[in-house]
Amino acid sequence: MIVLVINCGSSSLKYQVLDMRSDNDYSLLAKGLVERIGLEMGEVTHRPSGKDKLVISKPVPDHTEGIKSVLGLLTDPGHGVLKSLDQIEAVGHRVAHGGELFPESCVVDDKVMEGIRSLCELAPLHNPANLLGIEAVKKLLPQVPQVAVFDTSFHQTMPDYAYMYAIPYECYEKLHVRRYGFHGTSHKFVAHRACEFLGMDINDSRIVTCHLGNGGSVTAVLNGKSVDTSMGFTPVEGVVMGTRCGNIDAGAVTYLQDKLGLDVDGITKLLNKKSGFLGVSGVSSDCRDIVSAYENGNYRAGLSLNMFYHSVRKYIGAYSAVMGGLDVIVFTGGIGENDCEARKEICSTLGFLGVDFDEAANKGVRGEDKLLTKAGSRVKVLTLSTNEELVIARDTMNLTRK
């Protein structure tokens, strides 16, 4: 079965085309990445298996244009891997927020699309982008079944004392306000991959997974199950991110709303789209731009980086306490996989936990699976390339075959 997987992030779009024969028997035909969506200049990287990589710089104003570029490349006479779009038998989508409507992956129909749309206010940067992907495919490939795979499903194993907020209980019963968590497919994949890499038993492990990119989250994975995670009711909670503020005092939110004269939509945009790296630095939402500005002496860029490192360190320490110890720290995502300085800075104060970080092993590592601690380090640190797309492809194949 030829499966196209589309993974729309807040400012990026990853894709893979896989020939799925079974869960563990598959061939990757092509993969790629559309970056810097919505910025002045975007970048499209297309990697067809057995052919040269193609990199195109062009404006990508929104996710719809990004998906059009992807479909064009897949059938391109010189760089494509498909003779026509008719070869695609199913399409799987990553969807950020399933709330309590979608505890598992499901085949997309009009009712599912309406459910995803109803949850857009909970994930305003992602669910709308996910819907754009689904709607674009529906127009271009109307006969092809689509599957939605939700970021929130992996975190359904959290105990109630971890996912509840200390607000009136009726707010949970009637309005379903609770911690949901996100990046679930990524956290699940790298936790299992870490145990394979190190020869550990996933059922006897204490792992902190750090998915760090334009959006970022940290998860405590105890014996293969999520027991706590940094993102909450929406993806705005947790560590400092590209345009999201992360943790903030609720009282500060109402104060800002009052003093700035903002309605609900206004304060939502402030916290989700104007904060984080962008809000503190005033430079960009992209970590690479922030690093460049800092190297050129921009104080606020450096401040935003230090706030980011500090926020991740706090979660690693907290989750080691939650799990009664720590065996492995995993870095993944765009920053986690590619930014050696971020990994070094985050781990710089973790020696008390048993981390003996190897700066030489870490230096220059981008997009490869590697151990980043010295021999004898009690807690291992890994950088692993996540593969959310494979998790999505497996669910897509299994659901559509049924």
Protein backbone atom coordinates (compact mmCIF):
# COMPACT_ATOMS: atom_id res chain seq x y z
CA MET A 1 0.00 0.00 0.00
CA ILE A 2 1.40 3.40 -1.04
CA VAL A 3 0.78 5.83 1.84
CA LEU A 4 1.41 9.56 1.78
CA VAL A 5 1.94 11.02 5.24
CA ILE A 6 1.49 14.73 5.81
CA ASN A 7 2.67 16.28 9.06
CA CYS A 8 1.79 19.97 9.27
CA GLY A 9 3.44 21.93 12.08
CA SER A 10 2.88 25.56 12.96
CA SER A 11 5.54 26.77 10.49
CA SER A 12 6.66 23.60 8.74
CA LEU A 13 5.35 20.64 6.80
CA LYS A 14 7.05 17.24 6.74
CA TYR A 15 6.03 14.50 4.35
CA GLN A 16 6.90 10.95 3.50
CA VAL A 17 5.75 8.48 0.86
CA LEU A 18 6.00 4.88 2.02
CA ASP A 19 5.23 1.53 0.46
CA MET A 20 3.70 -0.19 3.50
CA ARG A 21 3.61 -4.00 3.38
CA SER A 22 3.27 -4.44 7.15
CA ASP A 23 4.09 -2.52 10.33
CA ASN A 24 7.76 -3.46 10.12
CA ASP A 25 8.10 -4.21 6.41
CA TYR A 26 8.06 -1.02 4.38
CA SER A 27 10.05 1.03 1.90
CA LEU A 28 10.56 4.76 2.04
CA LEU A 29 10.07 6.18 -1.44
CA ALA A 30 10.59 9.85 -0.64
CA LYS A 31 10.55 12.33 2.19
CA GLY A 32 10.89 16.04 2.54
CA LEU A 33 10.37 19.19 4.49
CA VAL A 34 8.80 22.54 3.82
CA GLU A 35 10.23 25.09 6.27
CA ARG A 36 9.65 28.70 7.25
CA ILE A 37 6.03 28.71 6.17
CA GLY A 38 4.60 32.21 6.49
CA LEU A 39 8.00 33.93 6.61
CA GLU A 40 9.44 36.06 3.80
CA MET A 41 11.30 33.15 2.18
CA GLY A 42 10.52 29.45 2.61
CA GLU A 43 12.59 26.40 1.78
CA VAL A 44 11.47 23.09 0.28
CA THR A 45 13.75 20.07 0.66
CA HIS A 46 12.79 16.97 -1.34
CA ARG A 47 14.66 13.68 -0.86
CA PRO A 48 13.56 10.95 -3.29
CA SER A 49 15.12 7.59 -2.47
CA GLY A 50 17.90 6.74 -4.89
CA LYS A 51 17.99 10.23 -6.38
CA ASP A 52 19.73 13.49 -5.56
CA LYS A 53 18.27 15.79 -2.94
CA LEU A 54 16.50 18.85 -4.28
CA VAL A 55 16.39 22.14 -2.35
CA ILE A 56 14.19 24.98 -3.53
CA SER A 57 13.99 28.43 -1.93
CA LYS A 58 10.71 30.19 -2.58
CA PRO A 59 7.96 31.96 -0.66
CA VAL A 60 5.53 29.53 0.97
CA PRO A 61 2.78 31.78 2.33
CA ASP A 62 0.61 29.03 3.83
CA HIS A 63 0.22 25.29 4.25
CA THR A 64 -1.99 24.89 1.20
CA GLU A 65 0.79 26.16 -1.05
CA GLY A 66 3.21 23.89 0.77
CA ILE A 67 1.12 20.80 0.04
CA LYS A 68 0.72 21.80 -3.60
CA SER A 69 4.50 21.98 -3.88
CA VAL A 70 4.86 18.53 -2.33
CA LEU A 71 2.35 16.88 -4.69
CA GLY A 72 4.05 18.49 -7.65
CA LEU A 73 7.45 17.17 -6.60
CA LEU A 74 6.16 13.64 -6.02
CA THR A 75 5.05 13.37 -9.65
CA ASP A 76 7.82 15.49 -11.18
CA PRO A 77 9.39 13.70 -14.20
CA GLY A 78 12.91 14.29 -12.96
CA HIS A 79 12.62 14.24 -9.18
CA GLY A 80 9.38 12.38 -8.50
CA VAL A 81 8.76 8.84 -7.26
CA LEU A 82 5.20 8.37 -8.57
CA LYS A 83 3.94 8.20 -12.15
CA SER A 84 0.70 9.80 -11.06
CA LEU A 85 -1.19 10.72 -7.92
CA ASP A 86 -3.47 7.72 -8.62
CA GLN A 87 -0.80 5.50 -7.08
CA ILE A 88 -1.45 6.97 -3.62
CA GLU A 89 -3.79 4.53 -1.84
CA ALA A 90 -4.19 6.34 1.48
CA VAL A 91 -3.14 9.58 3.15
CA GLY A 92 -2.36 9.90 6.85
CA HIS A 93 -2.36 13.23 8.69
CA ARG A 94 -0.93 14.29 11.97
CA VAL A 95 -3.59 16.22 13.90
CA ALA A 96 -2.54 18.12 17.00
CA HIS A 97 -5.60 18.10 19.26
CA GLY A 98 -8.18 15.36 19.55
CA GLY A 99 -9.56 16.50 22.89
CA GLU A 100 -11.77 13.81 24.38
CA LEU A 101 -13.51 13.37 21.00
CA PHE A 102 -10.70 11.33 19.48
CA PRO A 103 -8.88 9.00 21.89
CA GLU A 104 -7.55 6.99 18.93
CA SER A 105 -6.66 7.42 15.26
CA CYS A 106 -9.63 7.30 12.87
CA VAL A 107 -10.62 7.39 9.21
CA VAL A 108 -11.58 10.91 8.14
CA ASP A 109 -15.15 11.71 7.15
CA ASP A 110 -17.24 14.87 7.37
CA LYS A 111 -18.06 14.22 11.02
CA VAL A 112 -14.39 13.80 11.91
CA MET A 113 -13.48 16.98 10.06
CA GLU A 114 -16.14 18.88 11.95
CA GLY A 115 -14.82 17.47 15.22
CA ILE A 116 -11.28 18.57 14.38
CA ARG A 117 -12.62 21.99 13.42
CA SER A 118 -14.45 22.29 16.73
CA LEU A 119 -11.13 21.84 18.53
CA CYS A 120 -9.29 24.57 16.61
CA GLU A 121 -9.67 27.00 19.48
CA LEU A 122 -7.65 24.60 21.62
CA ALA A 123 -4.79 24.35 19.09
CA PRO A 124 -5.03 27.52 16.98
CA LEU A 125 -1.61 27.12 15.35
CA HIS A 126 -2.00 23.46 14.39
CA ASN A 127 -5.54 22.16 13.98
CA PRO A 128 -6.34 24.75 11.29
CA ALA A 129 -3.12 23.78 9.47
CA ASN A 130 -4.00 20.07 9.81
CA LEU A 131 -7.43 20.76 8.35
CA LEU A 132 -5.89 22.62 5.43
CA GLY A 133 -3.90 19.49 4.63
CA ILE A 134 -6.96 17.26 4.84
CA GLU A 135 -9.07 19.62 2.74
CA ALA A 136 -6.37 20.04 0.09
CA VAL A 137 -5.99 16.29 -0.29
CA LYS A 138 -9.77 15.86 -0.39
CA LYS A 139 -9.92 18.22 -3.39
CA LEU A 140 -6.96 16.75 -5.24
CA LEU A 141 -7.47 13.08 -4.35
CA PRO A 142 -11.21 12.78 -3.64
CA GLN A 143 -11.33 8.97 -3.84
CA VAL A 144 -8.37 8.36 -1.53
CA PRO A 145 -9.17 7.51 2.11
CA GLN A 146 -7.57 9.72 4.75
CA VAL A 147 -6.70 8.95 8.36
CA ALA A 148 -6.20 11.39 11.26
CA VAL A 149 -3.60 10.45 13.89
CA PHE A 150 -3.80 12.60 17.02
CA ASP A 151 -0.92 13.99 19.07
CA THR A 152 -2.95 13.62 22.23
CA SER A 153 -3.50 9.84 22.19
CA PHE A 154 -0.13 8.75 23.66
CA HIS A 155 -0.74 10.89 26.74
CA GLN A 156 -4.03 9.19 27.65
CA THR A 157 -2.05 7.03 30.11
CA MET A 158 -1.37 9.99 32.41
CA PRO A 159 -2.86 9.54 35.89
CA ASP A 160 -5.64 11.91 36.85
CA TYR A 161 -3.49 13.78 39.35
CA ALA A 162 -1.12 14.64 36.48
CA TYR A 163 -3.69 15.71 33.90
CA MET A 164 -6.13 17.56 36.19
CA TYR A 165 -5.90 21.29 36.94
CA ALA A 166 -6.72 22.54 40.44
CA ILE A 167 -9.81 24.44 39.31
CA PRO A 168 -13.46 23.64 40.14
CA TYR A 169 -14.04 20.01 39.20
CA GLU A 170 -17.13 20.98 37.23
CA CYS A 171 -14.82 22.68 34.70
CA TYR A 172 -13.48 19.23 33.85
CA GLU A 173 -16.84 17.45 33.97
CA LYS A 174 -18.72 19.97 31.85
CA LEU A 175 -16.05 21.70 29.78
CA HIS A 176 -13.35 18.95 29.65
CA VAL A 177 -10.61 21.31 30.81
CA ARG A 178 -7.59 19.12 31.60
CA ARG A 179 -4.04 18.47 30.44
CA TYR A 180 -4.01 16.66 27.09
CA GLY A 181 -0.40 16.90 25.94
CA PHE A 182 0.89 16.92 22.37
CA HIS A 183 3.68 15.58 20.12
CA GLY A 184 2.51 12.16 21.29
CA THR A 185 3.58 10.25 18.18
CA SER A 186 7.09 11.71 18.43
CA HIS A 187 7.47 11.04 22.17
CA LYS A 188 6.26 7.47 21.71
CA PHE A 189 8.56 6.79 18.78
CA VAL A 190 11.79 8.14 20.30
CA ALA A 191 11.16 6.50 23.68
CA HIS A 192 10.94 3.09 22.01
CA ARG A 193 13.82 3.93 19.67
CA ALA A 194 16.01 4.93 22.64
CA CYS A 195 15.49 1.54 24.25
CA GLU A 196 16.32 -0.23 20.98
CA PHE A 197 19.44 1.91 20.59
CA LEU A 198 20.68 1.23 24.13
CA GLY A 199 19.48 -2.38 24.43
CA MET A 200 17.10 -1.49 27.27
CA ASP A 201 13.73 -2.96 28.20
CA ILE A 202 11.05 -0.33 27.53
CA ASN A 203 9.00 -1.91 30.34
CA ASP A 204 11.75 -1.12 32.84
CA SER A 205 12.83 2.38 31.89
CA ARG A 206 12.65 6.01 33.01
CA ILE A 207 12.99 8.33 30.03
CA VAL A 208 12.56 12.06 29.51
CA THR A 209 11.88 12.86 25.87
CA CYS A 210 12.47 16.43 24.69
CA HIS A 211 10.75 17.23 21.40
CA LEU A 212 12.13 20.69 20.67
CA GLY A 213 11.30 22.69 17.57
CA ASN A 214 9.20 25.73 16.72
CA GLY A 215 6.80 24.05 19.11
CA GLY A 216 8.32 22.08 21.96
CA SER A 217 7.32 19.70 24.72
CA VAL A 218 8.95 17.47 27.31
CA THR A 219 7.44 14.15 28.45
CA ALA A 220 8.07 11.74 31.32
CA VAL A 221 7.88 8.20 29.88
CA LEU A 222 7.82 5.58 32.61
CA ASN A 223 8.00 1.96 31.43
CA GLY A 224 6.88 3.00 27.96
CA LYS A 225 3.89 5.08 29.06
CA SER A 226 3.43 8.82 29.29
CA VAL A 227 2.92 9.83 32.93
CA ASP A 228 3.33 13.60 32.57
CA THR A 229 4.00 16.11 29.82
CA SER A 230 4.69 19.83 29.59
CA MET A 231 1.98 20.91 27.15
CA GLY A 232 -1.46 21.07 28.64
CA PHE A 233 -5.03 21.89 27.67
CA THR A 234 -3.57 23.58 24.58
CA PRO A 235 -0.05 23.56 23.07
CA VAL A 236 0.71 26.97 24.59
CA GLU A 237 1.75 25.58 27.99
CA GLY A 238 5.23 24.33 28.84
CA VAL A 239 8.65 25.38 27.55
CA VAL A 240 9.45 28.57 25.64
CA MET A 241 8.64 28.08 21.93
CA GLY A 242 8.86 29.91 18.61
CA THR A 243 5.78 32.08 19.05
CA ARG A 244 4.16 30.58 22.17
CA CYS A 245 4.94 31.87 25.63
CA GLY A 246 5.02 28.56 27.50
CA ASN A 247 4.25 28.71 31.21
CA ILE A 248 2.81 31.98 32.44
CA ASP A 249 0.93 33.02 35.57
CA ALA A 250 -2.80 32.99 34.84
CA GLY A 251 -3.04 36.24 36.74
CA ALA A 252 -0.62 37.84 34.28
CA VAL A 253 -2.91 36.77 31.44
CA THR A 254 -5.97 38.50 32.87
CA TYR A 255 -3.85 41.55 33.79
CA LEU A 256 -2.57 41.84 30.21
CA GLN A 257 -6.04 41.38 28.82
CA ASP A 258 -7.33 44.22 30.99
CA LYS A 259 -4.44 46.66 30.50
CA LEU A 260 -4.12 46.08 26.74
CA GLY A 261 -7.87 46.10 26.18
CA LEU A 262 -7.84 42.70 24.48
CA ASP A 263 -10.76 40.40 23.82
CA VAL A 264 -10.41 36.60 23.95
CA ASP A 265 -9.15 36.43 20.37
CA GLY A 266 -6.63 39.18 21.05
CA ILE A 267 -5.09 37.57 24.14
CA THR A 268 -5.05 34.19 22.36
CA LYS A 269 -3.05 35.69 19.48
CA LEU A 270 -0.70 37.43 21.90
CA LEU A 271 0.17 34.20 23.75
CA ASN A 272 0.19 31.87 20.74
CA LYS A 273 1.52 33.93 17.86
CA LYS A 274 3.39 36.94 19.26
CA SER A 275 5.29 35.49 22.20
CA GLY A 276 8.12 32.99 22.70
CA PHE A 277 11.34 33.57 20.74
CA LEU A 278 9.57 36.12 18.56
CA GLY A 279 8.12 38.12 21.41
CA VAL A 280 11.23 38.25 23.60
CA SER A 281 13.82 38.74 20.87
CA GLY A 282 11.82 40.88 18.47
CA VAL A 283 13.83 39.15 15.73
CA SER A 284 12.15 35.95 14.57
CA SER A 285 10.32 32.81 15.65
CA ASP A 286 13.05 30.63 14.13
CA CYS A 287 15.78 29.49 16.52
CA ARG A 288 18.44 29.70 13.79
CA ASP A 289 17.70 33.39 13.28
CA ILE A 290 17.83 33.92 17.05
CA VAL A 291 21.25 32.25 17.31
CA SER A 292 22.56 34.38 14.45
CA ALA A 293 21.27 37.57 16.08
CA TYR A 294 22.80 36.58 19.42
CA GLU A 295 26.17 35.93 17.78
CA ASN A 296 25.94 39.46 16.39
CA GLY A 297 25.46 40.93 19.85
CA ASN A 298 21.66 41.09 20.20
CA TYR A 299 20.99 40.91 23.94
CA ARG A 300 17.30 40.05 23.66
CA ALA A 301 18.09 37.18 21.32
CA GLY A 302 20.47 35.79 23.93
CA LEU A 303 17.87 36.31 26.63
CA SER A 304 15.27 34.31 24.70
CA LEU A 305 17.73 31.45 24.23
CA ASN A 306 18.61 31.37 27.93
CA MET A 307 14.92 31.38 28.85
CA PHE A 308 14.41 28.42 26.52
CA TYR A 309 17.32 26.40 27.93
CA HIS A 310 16.19 27.16 31.49
CA SER A 311 12.61 26.06 30.82
CA VAL A 312 13.70 22.69 29.39
CA ARG A 313 16.13 22.03 32.26
CA LYS A 314 13.35 22.59 34.79
CA TYR A 315 11.14 19.95 33.20
CA ILE A 316 13.95 17.40 33.03
CA GLY A 317 14.62 17.86 36.74
CA ALA A 318 10.93 17.76 37.65
CA TYR A 319 10.24 14.62 35.65
CA SER A 320 13.19 12.78 37.13
CA ALA A 321 11.49 13.38 40.48
CA VAL A 322 8.10 12.26 39.11
CA MET A 323 9.56 8.95 37.95
CA GLY A 324 11.78 8.37 40.99
CA GLY A 325 14.95 8.62 38.93
CA LEU A 326 16.16 8.85 35.39
CA ASP A 327 17.85 6.52 32.88
CA VAL A 328 17.78 8.40 29.57
CA ILE A 329 17.27 11.90 28.17
CA VAL A 330 16.33 12.08 24.49
CA PHE A 331 16.55 15.15 22.26
CA THR A 332 14.52 15.21 19.06
CA GLY A 333 12.66 17.67 16.82
CA GLY A 334 14.17 20.43 14.68
CA ILE A 335 16.16 22.01 17.52
CA GLY A 336 16.76 18.82 19.49
CA GLU A 337 18.20 16.97 16.49
CA ASN A 338 20.21 19.80 14.93
CA ASP A 339 21.28 22.35 17.54
CA CYS A 340 24.35 21.05 19.37
CA GLU A 341 24.68 24.28 21.38
CA ALA A 342 21.13 23.92 22.73
CA ARG A 343 21.78 20.32 23.81
CA LYS A 344 25.03 21.34 25.51
CA GLU A 345 23.48 24.29 27.34
CA ILE A 346 20.46 22.31 28.53
CA CYS A 347 22.66 19.51 29.88
CA SER A 348 25.22 21.88 31.42
CA THR A 349 23.70 21.72 34.92
CA LEU A 350 22.49 18.11 34.95
CA GLY A 351 25.61 16.50 36.37
CA PHE A 352 23.85 16.05 39.73
CA LEU A 353 21.40 13.69 38.03
CA GLY A 354 24.22 11.51 36.74
CA VAL A 355 24.72 13.08 33.30
CA ASP A 356 28.37 13.05 32.16
CA PHE A 357 27.90 14.98 28.93
CA ASP A 358 30.40 14.46 26.11
CA GLU A 359 30.87 17.81 24.40
CA ALA A 360 33.19 16.33 21.77
CA ALA A 361 30.62 13.70 20.78
CA ASN A 362 27.90 16.36 20.67
CA LYS A 363 29.77 18.88 18.54
CA GLY A 364 28.42 19.27 15.02
CA VAL A 365 25.85 16.48 15.31
CA ARG A 366 22.85 17.15 13.09
CA GLY A 367 20.06 14.75 12.25
CA GLU A 368 21.72 11.52 13.32
CA ASP A 369 21.14 9.02 16.12
CA LYS A 370 24.01 9.33 18.58
CA LEU A 371 24.98 8.82 22.22
CA LEU A 372 26.09 12.13 23.75
CA THR A 373 27.40 11.00 27.14
CA LYS A 374 30.74 9.54 28.18
CA ALA A 375 31.31 5.90 29.02
CA GLY A 376 30.09 5.23 32.55
CA SER A 377 27.55 8.06 32.60
CA ARG A 378 24.73 6.85 34.82
CA VAL A 379 22.14 8.77 32.79
CA LYS A 380 22.48 8.47 29.03
CA VAL A 381 21.75 11.38 26.69
CA LEU A 382 20.78 10.67 23.09
CA THR A 383 19.88 12.69 20.05
CA LEU A 384 17.46 10.72 17.87
CA SER A 385 15.72 11.56 14.64
CA THR A 386 12.02 11.29 15.27
CA ASN A 387 9.78 9.49 12.79
CA GLU A 388 6.23 10.54 13.50
CA GLU A 389 5.47 9.78 9.88
CA LEU A 390 6.13 6.06 10.30
CA VAL A 391 3.76 5.90 13.27
CA ILE A 392 1.13 7.71 11.20
CA ALA A 393 1.71 5.44 8.18
CA ARG A 394 1.22 2.32 10.31
CA ASP A 395 -2.10 3.56 11.68
CA THR A 396 -3.20 4.70 8.21
CA MET A 397 -2.44 1.32 6.66
CA ASN A 398 -4.13 -0.67 9.41
CA LEU A 399 -7.27 1.46 9.54
CA THR A 400 -7.82 1.73 5.78
CA ARG A 401 -7.22 -1.99 5.24
CA LYS A 402 -9.99 -2.70 7.71
